[in-house]
mmCIF file of all heavy atoms, coordinates in Angstrom:
data_MODEL
# 
_entry.id   MODEL 
# 
loop_
_atom_site.group_PDB 
_atom_site.id 
_atom_site.type_symbol 
_atom_site.label_atom_id 
_atom_site.label_alt_id 
_atom_site.label_comp_id 
_atom_site.label_asym_id 
_atom_site.label_entity_id 
_atom_site.label_seq_id 
_atom_site.pdbx_PDB_ins_code 
_atom_site.Cartn_x 
_atom_site.Cartn_y 
_atom_site.Cartn_z 
_atom_site.occupancy 
_atom_site.B_iso_or_equiv 
_atom_site.pdbx_formal_charge 
_atom_site.auth_seq_id 
_atom_site.auth_comp_id 
_atom_site.auth_asym_id 
_atom_site.auth_atom_id 
_atom_site.pdbx_PDB_model_num 
ATOM 1   N N   . ALA A 1 1  ? 83.226  87.382  86.370  1.00 0.00 ? 1  ALA A N   1 
ATOM 2   C CA  . ALA A 1 1  ? 84.670  87.398  86.740  1.00 0.00 ? 1  ALA A CA  1 
ATOM 3   C C   . ALA A 1 1  ? 84.828  86.992  88.179  1.00 0.00 ? 1  ALA A C   1 
ATOM 4   O O   . ALA A 1 1  ? 84.002  87.317  89.047  1.00 0.00 ? 1  ALA A O   1 
ATOM 5   C CB  . ALA A 1 1  ? 85.244  88.763  86.501  1.00 0.00 ? 1  ALA A CB  1 
ATOM 6   N N   . VAL A 1 2  ? 85.874  86.227  88.465  1.00 0.00 ? 2  VAL A N   1 
ATOM 7   C CA  . VAL A 1 2  ? 86.279  85.905  89.794  1.00 0.00 ? 2  VAL A CA  1 
ATOM 8   C C   . VAL A 1 2  ? 87.527  86.766  90.074  1.00 0.00 ? 2  VAL A C   1 
ATOM 9   O O   . VAL A 1 2  ? 88.516  86.660  89.343  1.00 0.00 ? 2  VAL A O   1 
ATOM 10  C CB  . VAL A 1 2  ? 86.648  84.409  90.023  1.00 0.00 ? 2  VAL A CB  1 
ATOM 11  C CG1 . VAL A 1 2  ? 87.107  84.109  91.415  1.00 0.00 ? 2  VAL A CG1 1 
ATOM 12  C CG2 . VAL A 1 2  ? 85.370  83.529  89.729  1.00 0.00 ? 2  VAL A CG2 1 
ATOM 13  N N   . LEU A 1 3  ? 87.576  87.562  91.084  1.00 0.00 ? 3  LEU A N   1 
ATOM 14  C CA  . LEU A 1 3  ? 88.665  88.424  91.436  1.00 0.00 ? 3  LEU A CA  1 
ATOM 15  C C   . LEU A 1 3  ? 89.777  87.663  92.133  1.00 0.00 ? 3  LEU A C   1 
ATOM 16  O O   . LEU A 1 3  ? 89.455  86.879  93.033  1.00 0.00 ? 3  LEU A O   1 
ATOM 17  C CB  . LEU A 1 3  ? 88.167  89.632  92.225  1.00 0.00 ? 3  LEU A CB  1 
ATOM 18  C CG  . LEU A 1 3  ? 86.978  90.389  91.599  1.00 0.00 ? 3  LEU A CG  1 
ATOM 19  C CD1 . LEU A 1 3  ? 86.598  91.586  92.495  1.00 0.00 ? 3  LEU A CD1 1 
ATOM 20  C CD2 . LEU A 1 3  ? 87.333  90.884  90.162  1.00 0.00 ? 3  LEU A CD2 1 
ATOM 21  N N   . PRO A 1 4  ? 91.024  87.958  91.836  1.00 0.00 ? 4  PRO A N   1 
ATOM 22  C CA  . PRO A 1 4  ? 92.094  87.213  92.431  1.00 0.00 ? 4  PRO A CA  1 
ATOM 23  C C   . PRO A 1 4  ? 92.450  87.721  93.872  1.00 0.00 ? 4  PRO A C   1 
ATOM 24  O O   . PRO A 1 4  ? 92.115  88.857  94.156  1.00 0.00 ? 4  PRO A O   1 
ATOM 25  C CB  . PRO A 1 4  ? 93.310  87.480  91.489  1.00 0.00 ? 4  PRO A CB  1 
ATOM 26  C CG  . PRO A 1 4  ? 92.948  88.805  90.937  1.00 0.00 ? 4  PRO A CG  1 
ATOM 27  C CD  . PRO A 1 4  ? 91.477  88.877  90.773  1.00 0.00 ? 4  PRO A CD  1 
ATOM 28  N N   . PRO A 1 5  ? 93.011  86.874  94.751  1.00 0.00 ? 5  PRO A N   1 
ATOM 29  C CA  . PRO A 1 5  ? 93.446  87.396  95.996  1.00 0.00 ? 5  PRO A CA  1 
ATOM 30  C C   . PRO A 1 5  ? 94.446  88.492  95.869  1.00 0.00 ? 5  PRO A C   1 
ATOM 31  O O   . PRO A 1 5  ? 95.148  88.631  94.836  1.00 0.00 ? 5  PRO A O   1 
ATOM 32  C CB  . PRO A 1 5  ? 94.122  86.188  96.653  1.00 0.00 ? 5  PRO A CB  1 
ATOM 33  C CG  . PRO A 1 5  ? 93.558  84.976  95.920  1.00 0.00 ? 5  PRO A CG  1 
ATOM 34  C CD  . PRO A 1 5  ? 93.308  85.501  94.513  1.00 0.00 ? 5  PRO A CD  1 
ATOM 35  N N   . ILE A 1 6  ? 94.539  89.395  96.879  1.00 0.00 ? 6  ILE A N   1 
ATOM 36  C CA  . ILE A 1 6  ? 95.442  90.511  96.882  1.00 0.00 ? 6  ILE A CA  1 
ATOM 37  C C   . ILE A 1 6  ? 96.527  90.302  97.889  1.00 0.00 ? 6  ILE A C   1 
ATOM 38  O O   . ILE A 1 6  ? 96.237  90.172  99.152  1.00 0.00 ? 6  ILE A O   1 
ATOM 39  C CB  . ILE A 1 6  ? 94.711  91.824  97.145  1.00 0.00 ? 6  ILE A CB  1 
ATOM 40  C CG1 . ILE A 1 6  ? 93.657  92.149  96.073  1.00 0.00 ? 6  ILE A CG1 1 
ATOM 41  C CG2 . ILE A 1 6  ? 95.707  93.040  97.242  1.00 0.00 ? 6  ILE A CG2 1 
ATOM 42  C CD1 . ILE A 1 6  ? 92.794  93.297  96.359  1.00 0.00 ? 6  ILE A CD1 1 
ATOM 43  N N   . ASN A 1 7  ? 97.768  90.175  97.471  1.00 0.00 ? 7  ASN A N   1 
ATOM 44  C CA  . ASN A 1 7  ? 98.898  89.970  98.341  1.00 0.00 ? 7  ASN A CA  1 
ATOM 45  C C   . ASN A 1 7  ? 99.310  91.284  99.025  1.00 0.00 ? 7  ASN A C   1 
ATOM 46  O O   . ASN A 1 7  ? 99.662  92.232  98.316  1.00 0.00 ? 7  ASN A O   1 
ATOM 47  C CB  . ASN A 1 7  ? 100.096 89.321  97.589  1.00 0.00 ? 7  ASN A CB  1 
ATOM 48  C CG  . ASN A 1 7  ? 99.845  87.946  97.264  1.00 0.00 ? 7  ASN A CG  1 
ATOM 49  O OD1 . ASN A 1 7  ? 99.309  87.195  98.075  1.00 0.00 ? 7  ASN A OD1 1 
ATOM 50  N ND2 . ASN A 1 7  ? 100.316 87.533  96.068  1.00 0.00 ? 7  ASN A ND2 1 
ATOM 51  N N   . GLN A 1 8  ? 99.215  91.299  100.354 1.00 0.00 ? 8  GLN A N   1 
ATOM 52  C CA  . GLN A 1 8  ? 99.594  92.462  101.144 1.00 0.00 ? 8  GLN A CA  1 
ATOM 53  C C   . GLN A 1 8  ? 100.727 92.116  102.090 1.00 0.00 ? 8  GLN A C   1 
ATOM 54  O O   . GLN A 1 8  ? 100.742 90.984  102.552 1.00 0.00 ? 8  GLN A O   1 
ATOM 55  C CB  . GLN A 1 8  ? 98.392  93.006  101.870 1.00 0.00 ? 8  GLN A CB  1 
ATOM 56  C CG  . GLN A 1 8  ? 97.207  93.379  101.009 1.00 0.00 ? 8  GLN A CG  1 
ATOM 57  C CD  . GLN A 1 8  ? 96.131  94.127  101.695 1.00 0.00 ? 8  GLN A CD  1 
ATOM 58  O OE1 . GLN A 1 8  ? 96.328  95.228  102.178 1.00 0.00 ? 8  GLN A OE1 1 
ATOM 59  N NE2 . GLN A 1 8  ? 94.990  93.552  101.776 1.00 0.00 ? 8  GLN A NE2 1 
ATOM 60  N N   . THR A 1 9  ? 101.567 93.088  102.371 1.00 0.00 ? 9  THR A N   1 
ATOM 61  C CA  . THR A 1 9  ? 102.739 92.748  103.238 1.00 0.00 ? 9  THR A CA  1 
ATOM 62  C C   . THR A 1 9  ? 102.297 93.227  104.663 1.00 0.00 ? 9  THR A C   1 
ATOM 63  O O   . THR A 1 9  ? 101.848 94.385  104.850 1.00 0.00 ? 9  THR A O   1 
ATOM 64  C CB  . THR A 1 9  ? 103.964 93.567  102.784 1.00 0.00 ? 9  THR A CB  1 
ATOM 65  O OG1 . THR A 1 9  ? 104.285 93.175  101.495 1.00 0.00 ? 9  THR A OG1 1 
ATOM 66  C CG2 . THR A 1 9  ? 105.124 93.309  103.713 1.00 0.00 ? 9  THR A CG2 1 
ATOM 67  N N   . LEU A 1 10 ? 102.524 92.360  105.613 1.00 0.00 ? 10 LEU A N   1 
ATOM 68  C CA  . LEU A 1 10 ? 102.267 92.654  107.021 1.00 0.00 ? 10 LEU A CA  1 
ATOM 69  C C   . LEU A 1 10 ? 103.429 93.481  107.579 1.00 0.00 ? 10 LEU A C   1 
ATOM 70  O O   . LEU A 1 10 ? 104.594 93.078  107.500 1.00 0.00 ? 10 LEU A O   1 
ATOM 71  C CB  . LEU A 1 10 ? 102.093 91.362  107.840 1.00 0.00 ? 10 LEU A CB  1 
ATOM 72  C CG  . LEU A 1 10 ? 100.992 90.431  107.339 1.00 0.00 ? 10 LEU A CG  1 
ATOM 73  C CD1 . LEU A 1 10 ? 100.958 89.162  108.222 1.00 0.00 ? 10 LEU A CD1 1 
ATOM 74  C CD2 . LEU A 1 10 ? 99.645  91.073  107.329 1.00 0.00 ? 10 LEU A CD2 1 
ATOM 75  N N   . ASP A 1 11 ? 103.102 94.654  108.145 1.00 0.00 ? 11 ASP A N   1 
ATOM 76  C CA  . ASP A 1 11 ? 104.165 95.513  108.675 1.00 0.00 ? 11 ASP A CA  1 
ATOM 77  C C   . ASP A 1 11 ? 104.094 95.563  110.219 1.00 0.00 ? 11 ASP A C   1 
ATOM 78  O O   . ASP A 1 11 ? 103.137 95.139  110.820 1.00 0.00 ? 11 ASP A O   1 
ATOM 79  C CB  . ASP A 1 11 ? 104.125 96.893  108.063 1.00 0.00 ? 11 ASP A CB  1 
ATOM 80  C CG  . ASP A 1 11 ? 102.860 97.669  108.399 1.00 0.00 ? 11 ASP A CG  1 
ATOM 81  O OD1 . ASP A 1 11 ? 102.239 97.401  109.415 1.00 0.00 ? 11 ASP A OD1 1 
ATOM 82  O OD2 . ASP A 1 11 ? 102.482 98.501  107.544 1.00 0.00 ? 11 ASP A OD2 1 
ATOM 83  N N   . LYS A 1 12 ? 105.219 96.100  110.773 1.00 0.00 ? 12 LYS A N   1 
ATOM 84  C CA  . LYS A 1 12 ? 105.354 96.014  112.276 1.00 0.00 ? 12 LYS A CA  1 
ATOM 85  C C   . LYS A 1 12 ? 104.241 96.819  112.992 1.00 0.00 ? 12 LYS A C   1 
ATOM 86  O O   . LYS A 1 12 ? 103.712 96.325  113.945 1.00 0.00 ? 12 LYS A O   1 
ATOM 87  C CB  . LYS A 1 12 ? 106.780 96.479  112.625 1.00 0.00 ? 12 LYS A CB  1 
ATOM 88  C CG  . LYS A 1 12 ? 107.035 96.388  114.121 1.00 0.00 ? 12 LYS A CG  1 
ATOM 89  C CD  . LYS A 1 12 ? 108.453 96.736  114.464 1.00 0.00 ? 12 LYS A CD  1 
ATOM 90  C CE  . LYS A 1 12 ? 108.732 96.586  115.957 1.00 0.00 ? 12 LYS A CE  1 
ATOM 91  N NZ  . LYS A 1 12 ? 110.185 96.853  116.230 1.00 0.00 ? 12 LYS A NZ  1 
ATOM 92  N N   . PRO A 1 13 ? 103.977 98.090  112.601 1.00 0.00 ? 13 PRO A N   1 
ATOM 93  C CA  . PRO A 1 13 ? 102.991 98.851  113.372 1.00 0.00 ? 13 PRO A CA  1 
ATOM 94  C C   . PRO A 1 13 ? 101.607 98.109  113.495 1.00 0.00 ? 13 PRO A C   1 
ATOM 95  O O   . PRO A 1 13 ? 101.023 98.112  114.534 1.00 0.00 ? 13 PRO A O   1 
ATOM 96  C CB  . PRO A 1 13 ? 102.936 100.144 112.641 1.00 0.00 ? 13 PRO A CB  1 
ATOM 97  C CG  . PRO A 1 13 ? 104.240 100.271 111.933 1.00 0.00 ? 13 PRO A CG  1 
ATOM 98  C CD  . PRO A 1 13 ? 104.674 98.881  111.556 1.00 0.00 ? 13 PRO A CD  1 
ATOM 99  N N   . THR A 1 14 ? 101.182 97.590  112.359 1.00 0.00 ? 14 THR A N   1 
ATOM 100 C CA  . THR A 1 14 ? 99.880  96.990  112.356 1.00 0.00 ? 14 THR A CA  1 
ATOM 101 C C   . THR A 1 14 ? 99.838  95.593  113.054 1.00 0.00 ? 14 THR A C   1 
ATOM 102 O O   . THR A 1 14 ? 98.898  95.192  113.707 1.00 0.00 ? 14 THR A O   1 
ATOM 103 C CB  . THR A 1 14 ? 99.266  96.837  110.940 1.00 0.00 ? 14 THR A CB  1 
ATOM 104 O OG1 . THR A 1 14 ? 100.230 96.284  110.102 1.00 0.00 ? 14 THR A OG1 1 
ATOM 105 C CG2 . THR A 1 14 ? 98.872  98.203  110.424 1.00 0.00 ? 14 THR A CG2 1 
ATOM 106 N N   . VAL A 1 15 ? 100.955 94.860  112.867 1.00 0.00 ? 15 VAL A N   1 
ATOM 107 C CA  . VAL A 1 15 ? 101.064 93.593  113.620 1.00 0.00 ? 15 VAL A CA  1 
ATOM 108 C C   . VAL A 1 15 ? 101.053 93.799  115.121 1.00 0.00 ? 15 VAL A C   1 
ATOM 109 O O   . VAL A 1 15 ? 100.352 93.128  115.876 1.00 0.00 ? 15 VAL A O   1 
ATOM 110 C CB  . VAL A 1 15 ? 102.365 92.834  113.176 1.00 0.00 ? 15 VAL A CB  1 
ATOM 111 C CG1 . VAL A 1 15 ? 102.650 91.682  114.127 1.00 0.00 ? 15 VAL A CG1 1 
ATOM 112 C CG2 . VAL A 1 15 ? 102.199 92.320  111.740 1.00 0.00 ? 15 VAL A CG2 1 
ATOM 113 N N   . ARG A 1 16 ? 101.852 94.756  115.634 1.00 0.00 ? 16 ARG A N   1 
ATOM 114 C CA  . ARG A 1 16 ? 101.895 95.102  117.003 1.00 0.00 ? 16 ARG A CA  1 
ATOM 115 C C   . ARG A 1 16 ? 100.586 95.625  117.532 1.00 0.00 ? 16 ARG A C   1 
ATOM 116 O O   . ARG A 1 16 ? 100.121 95.248  118.668 1.00 0.00 ? 16 ARG A O   1 
ATOM 117 C CB  . ARG A 1 16 ? 103.038 96.085  117.333 1.00 0.00 ? 16 ARG A CB  1 
ATOM 118 C CG  . ARG A 1 16 ? 104.398 95.538  117.152 1.00 0.00 ? 16 ARG A CG  1 
ATOM 119 C CD  . ARG A 1 16 ? 104.793 94.588  118.305 1.00 0.00 ? 16 ARG A CD  1 
ATOM 120 N NE  . ARG A 1 16 ? 106.110 94.068  118.209 1.00 0.00 ? 16 ARG A NE  1 
ATOM 121 C CZ  . ARG A 1 16 ? 107.188 94.579  118.748 1.00 0.00 ? 16 ARG A CZ  1 
ATOM 122 N NH1 . ARG A 1 16 ? 107.044 95.748  119.398 1.00 0.00 ? 16 ARG A NH1 1 
ATOM 123 N NH2 . ARG A 1 16 ? 108.365 94.024  118.643 1.00 0.00 ? 16 ARG A NH2 1 
ATOM 124 N N   . LYS A 1 17 ? 99.935  96.445  116.759 1.00 0.00 ? 17 LYS A N   1 
ATOM 125 C CA  . LYS A 1 17 ? 98.594  97.010  117.131 1.00 0.00 ? 17 LYS A CA  1 
ATOM 126 C C   . LYS A 1 17 ? 97.616  95.850  117.334 1.00 0.00 ? 17 LYS A C   1 
ATOM 127 O O   . LYS A 1 17 ? 96.808  95.833  118.243 1.00 0.00 ? 17 LYS A O   1 
ATOM 128 C CB  . LYS A 1 17 ? 98.135  97.996  116.101 1.00 0.00 ? 17 LYS A CB  1 
ATOM 129 C CG  . LYS A 1 17 ? 96.746  98.571  116.416 1.00 0.00 ? 17 LYS A CG  1 
ATOM 130 C CD  . LYS A 1 17 ? 96.285  99.537  115.321 1.00 0.00 ? 17 LYS A CD  1 
ATOM 131 C CE  . LYS A 1 17 ? 94.967  100.126 115.616 1.00 0.00 ? 17 LYS A CE  1 
ATOM 132 N NZ  . LYS A 1 17 ? 94.491  101.069 114.624 1.00 0.00 ? 17 LYS A NZ  1 
ATOM 133 N N   . GLN A 1 18 ? 97.618  94.916  116.372 1.00 0.00 ? 18 GLN A N   1 
ATOM 134 C CA  . GLN A 1 18 ? 96.702  93.765  116.462 1.00 0.00 ? 18 GLN A CA  1 
ATOM 135 C C   . GLN A 1 18 ? 97.011  92.926  117.722 1.00 0.00 ? 18 GLN A C   1 
ATOM 136 O O   . GLN A 1 18 ? 96.042  92.500  118.384 1.00 0.00 ? 18 GLN A O   1 
ATOM 137 C CB  . GLN A 1 18 ? 96.868  92.886  115.203 1.00 0.00 ? 18 GLN A CB  1 
ATOM 138 C CG  . GLN A 1 18 ? 95.746  91.824  115.081 1.00 0.00 ? 18 GLN A CG  1 
ATOM 139 C CD  . GLN A 1 18 ? 94.389  92.349  114.977 1.00 0.00 ? 18 GLN A CD  1 
ATOM 140 O OE1 . GLN A 1 18 ? 94.148  93.324  114.265 1.00 0.00 ? 18 GLN A OE1 1 
ATOM 141 N NE2 . GLN A 1 18 ? 93.465  91.799  115.675 1.00 0.00 ? 18 GLN A NE2 1 
ATOM 142 N N   . MET A 1 19 ? 98.307  92.775  118.070 1.00 0.00 ? 19 MET A N   1 
ATOM 143 C CA  . MET A 1 19 ? 98.591  91.984  119.254 1.00 0.00 ? 19 MET A CA  1 
ATOM 144 C C   . MET A 1 19 ? 98.063  92.743  120.525 1.00 0.00 ? 19 MET A C   1 
ATOM 145 O O   . MET A 1 19 ? 97.593  92.056  121.475 1.00 0.00 ? 19 MET A O   1 
ATOM 146 C CB  . MET A 1 19 ? 100.079 91.775  119.340 1.00 0.00 ? 19 MET A CB  1 
ATOM 147 C CG  . MET A 1 19 ? 100.611 90.541  118.627 1.00 0.00 ? 19 MET A CG  1 
ATOM 148 S SD  . MET A 1 19 ? 99.682  89.023  118.960 1.00 0.00 ? 19 MET A SD  1 
ATOM 149 C CE  . MET A 1 19 ? 99.747  88.882  120.764 1.00 0.00 ? 19 MET A CE  1 
ATOM 150 N N   . ARG A 1 20 ? 98.206  94.002  120.560 1.00 0.00 ? 20 ARG A N   1 
ATOM 151 C CA  . ARG A 1 20 ? 97.677  94.760  121.664 1.00 0.00 ? 20 ARG A CA  1 
ATOM 152 C C   . ARG A 1 20 ? 96.179  94.579  121.793 1.00 0.00 ? 20 ARG A C   1 
ATOM 153 O O   . ARG A 1 20 ? 95.638  94.426  122.917 1.00 0.00 ? 20 ARG A O   1 
ATOM 154 C CB  . ARG A 1 20 ? 98.054  96.201  121.601 1.00 0.00 ? 20 ARG A CB  1 
ATOM 155 C CG  . ARG A 1 20 ? 99.545  96.498  121.828 1.00 0.00 ? 20 ARG A CG  1 
ATOM 156 C CD  . ARG A 1 20 ? 99.809  97.983  121.966 1.00 0.00 ? 20 ARG A CD  1 
ATOM 157 N NE  . ARG A 1 20 ? 99.542  98.714  120.785 1.00 0.00 ? 20 ARG A NE  1 
ATOM 158 C CZ  . ARG A 1 20 ? 100.521 98.967  119.845 1.00 0.00 ? 20 ARG A CZ  1 
ATOM 159 N NH1 . ARG A 1 20 ? 101.740 98.471  119.972 1.00 0.00 ? 20 ARG A NH1 1 
ATOM 160 N NH2 . ARG A 1 20 ? 100.181 99.693  118.778 1.00 0.00 ? 20 ARG A NH2 1 
ATOM 161 N N   . GLN A 1 21 ? 95.459  94.581  120.725 1.00 0.00 ? 21 GLN A N   1 
ATOM 162 C CA  . GLN A 1 21 ? 93.990  94.376  120.724 1.00 0.00 ? 21 GLN A CA  1 
ATOM 163 C C   . GLN A 1 21 ? 93.676  92.915  121.170 1.00 0.00 ? 21 GLN A C   1 
ATOM 164 O O   . GLN A 1 21 ? 92.722  92.754  121.956 1.00 0.00 ? 21 GLN A O   1 
ATOM 165 C CB  . GLN A 1 21 ? 93.416  94.647  119.342 1.00 0.00 ? 21 GLN A CB  1 
ATOM 166 C CG  . GLN A 1 21 ? 93.504  96.065  118.901 1.00 0.00 ? 21 GLN A CG  1 
ATOM 167 C CD  . GLN A 1 21 ? 93.087  96.324  117.492 1.00 0.00 ? 21 GLN A CD  1 
ATOM 168 O OE1 . GLN A 1 21 ? 92.889  95.349  116.687 1.00 0.00 ? 21 GLN A OE1 1 
ATOM 169 N NE2 . GLN A 1 21 ? 92.875  97.542  117.099 1.00 0.00 ? 21 GLN A NE2 1 
ATOM 170 N N   . ILE A 1 22 ? 94.440  91.933  120.725 1.00 0.00 ? 22 ILE A N   1 
ATOM 171 C CA  . ILE A 1 22 ? 94.156  90.589  121.119 1.00 0.00 ? 22 ILE A CA  1 
ATOM 172 C C   . ILE A 1 22 ? 94.445  90.434  122.630 1.00 0.00 ? 22 ILE A C   1 
ATOM 173 O O   . ILE A 1 22 ? 93.661  89.821  123.351 1.00 0.00 ? 22 ILE A O   1 
ATOM 174 C CB  . ILE A 1 22 ? 95.097  89.624  120.370 1.00 0.00 ? 22 ILE A CB  1 
ATOM 175 C CG1 . ILE A 1 22 ? 94.583  89.539  118.895 1.00 0.00 ? 22 ILE A CG1 1 
ATOM 176 C CG2 . ILE A 1 22 ? 95.052  88.237  120.981 1.00 0.00 ? 22 ILE A CG2 1 
ATOM 177 C CD1 . ILE A 1 22 ? 95.556  88.759  117.969 1.00 0.00 ? 22 ILE A CD1 1 
ATOM 178 N N   . ASN A 1 23 ? 95.493  91.044  123.120 1.00 0.00 ? 23 ASN A N   1 
ATOM 179 C CA  . ASN A 1 23 ? 95.759  90.944  124.582 1.00 0.00 ? 23 ASN A CA  1 
ATOM 180 C C   . ASN A 1 23 ? 94.692  91.624  125.385 1.00 0.00 ? 23 ASN A C   1 
ATOM 181 O O   . ASN A 1 23 ? 94.389  91.110  126.500 1.00 0.00 ? 23 ASN A O   1 
ATOM 182 C CB  . ASN A 1 23 ? 97.117  91.621  124.863 1.00 0.00 ? 23 ASN A CB  1 
ATOM 183 C CG  . ASN A 1 23 ? 98.259  90.670  124.557 1.00 0.00 ? 23 ASN A CG  1 
ATOM 184 O OD1 . ASN A 1 23 ? 98.135  89.423  124.569 1.00 0.00 ? 23 ASN A OD1 1 
ATOM 185 N ND2 . ASN A 1 23 ? 99.445  91.233  124.238 1.00 0.00 ? 23 ASN A ND2 1 
ATOM 186 N N   . ARG A 1 24 ? 94.116  92.733  124.934 1.00 0.00 ? 24 ARG A N   1 
ATOM 187 C CA  . ARG A 1 24 ? 93.012  93.309  125.715 1.00 0.00 ? 24 ARG A CA  1 
ATOM 188 C C   . ARG A 1 24 ? 91.799  92.369  125.769 1.00 0.00 ? 24 ARG A C   1 
ATOM 189 O O   . ARG A 1 24 ? 91.176  92.239  126.818 1.00 0.00 ? 24 ARG A O   1 
ATOM 190 C CB  . ARG A 1 24 ? 92.569  94.620  125.067 1.00 0.00 ? 24 ARG A CB  1 
ATOM 191 C CG  . ARG A 1 24 ? 93.542  95.773  125.338 1.00 0.00 ? 24 ARG A CG  1 
ATOM 192 C CD  . ARG A 1 24 ? 92.971  97.110  125.014 1.00 0.00 ? 24 ARG A CD  1 
ATOM 193 N NE  . ARG A 1 24 ? 92.760  97.305  123.578 1.00 0.00 ? 24 ARG A NE  1 
ATOM 194 C CZ  . ARG A 1 24 ? 93.676  97.870  122.767 1.00 0.00 ? 24 ARG A CZ  1 
ATOM 195 N NH1 . ARG A 1 24 ? 94.806  98.255  123.263 1.00 0.00 ? 24 ARG A NH1 1 
ATOM 196 N NH2 . ARG A 1 24 ? 93.394  98.009  121.472 1.00 0.00 ? 24 ARG A NH2 1 
ATOM 197 N N   . LYS A 1 25 ? 91.579  91.619  124.695 1.00 0.00 ? 25 LYS A N   1 
ATOM 198 C CA  . LYS A 1 25 ? 90.475  90.639  124.711 1.00 0.00 ? 25 LYS A CA  1 
ATOM 199 C C   . LYS A 1 25 ? 90.848  89.499  125.671 1.00 0.00 ? 25 LYS A C   1 
ATOM 200 O O   . LYS A 1 25 ? 89.965  88.989  126.415 1.00 0.00 ? 25 LYS A O   1 
ATOM 201 C CB  . LYS A 1 25 ? 90.235  90.129  123.282 1.00 0.00 ? 25 LYS A CB  1 
ATOM 202 C CG  . LYS A 1 25 ? 89.723  91.137  122.310 1.00 0.00 ? 25 LYS A CG  1 
ATOM 203 C CD  . LYS A 1 25 ? 89.556  90.631  120.949 1.00 0.00 ? 25 LYS A CD  1 
ATOM 204 C CE  . LYS A 1 25 ? 89.040  91.675  119.996 1.00 0.00 ? 25 LYS A CE  1 
ATOM 205 N NZ  . LYS A 1 25 ? 88.888  91.209  118.605 1.00 0.00 ? 25 LYS A NZ  1 
ATOM 206 N N   . LEU A 1 26 ? 92.059  89.036  125.654 1.00 0.00 ? 26 LEU A N   1 
ATOM 207 C CA  . LEU A 1 26 ? 92.473  87.967  126.555 1.00 0.00 ? 26 LEU A CA  1 
ATOM 208 C C   . LEU A 1 26 ? 92.302  88.389  128.022 1.00 0.00 ? 26 LEU A C   1 
ATOM 209 O O   . LEU A 1 26 ? 91.807  87.637  128.868 1.00 0.00 ? 26 LEU A O   1 
ATOM 210 C CB  . LEU A 1 26 ? 93.941  87.571  126.285 1.00 0.00 ? 26 LEU A CB  1 
ATOM 211 C CG  . LEU A 1 26 ? 94.196  86.809  124.976 1.00 0.00 ? 26 LEU A CG  1 
ATOM 212 C CD1 . LEU A 1 26 ? 95.704  86.646  124.742 1.00 0.00 ? 26 LEU A CD1 1 
ATOM 213 C CD2 . LEU A 1 26 ? 93.471  85.418  125.021 1.00 0.00 ? 26 LEU A CD2 1 
# 
């Protein structure tokens, strides 16, 4: 079997958290 992609919804808390992590790397 080949498993299908899983559609997930991007929400504000995790999007903002990811941007803070990226900014720390920058």
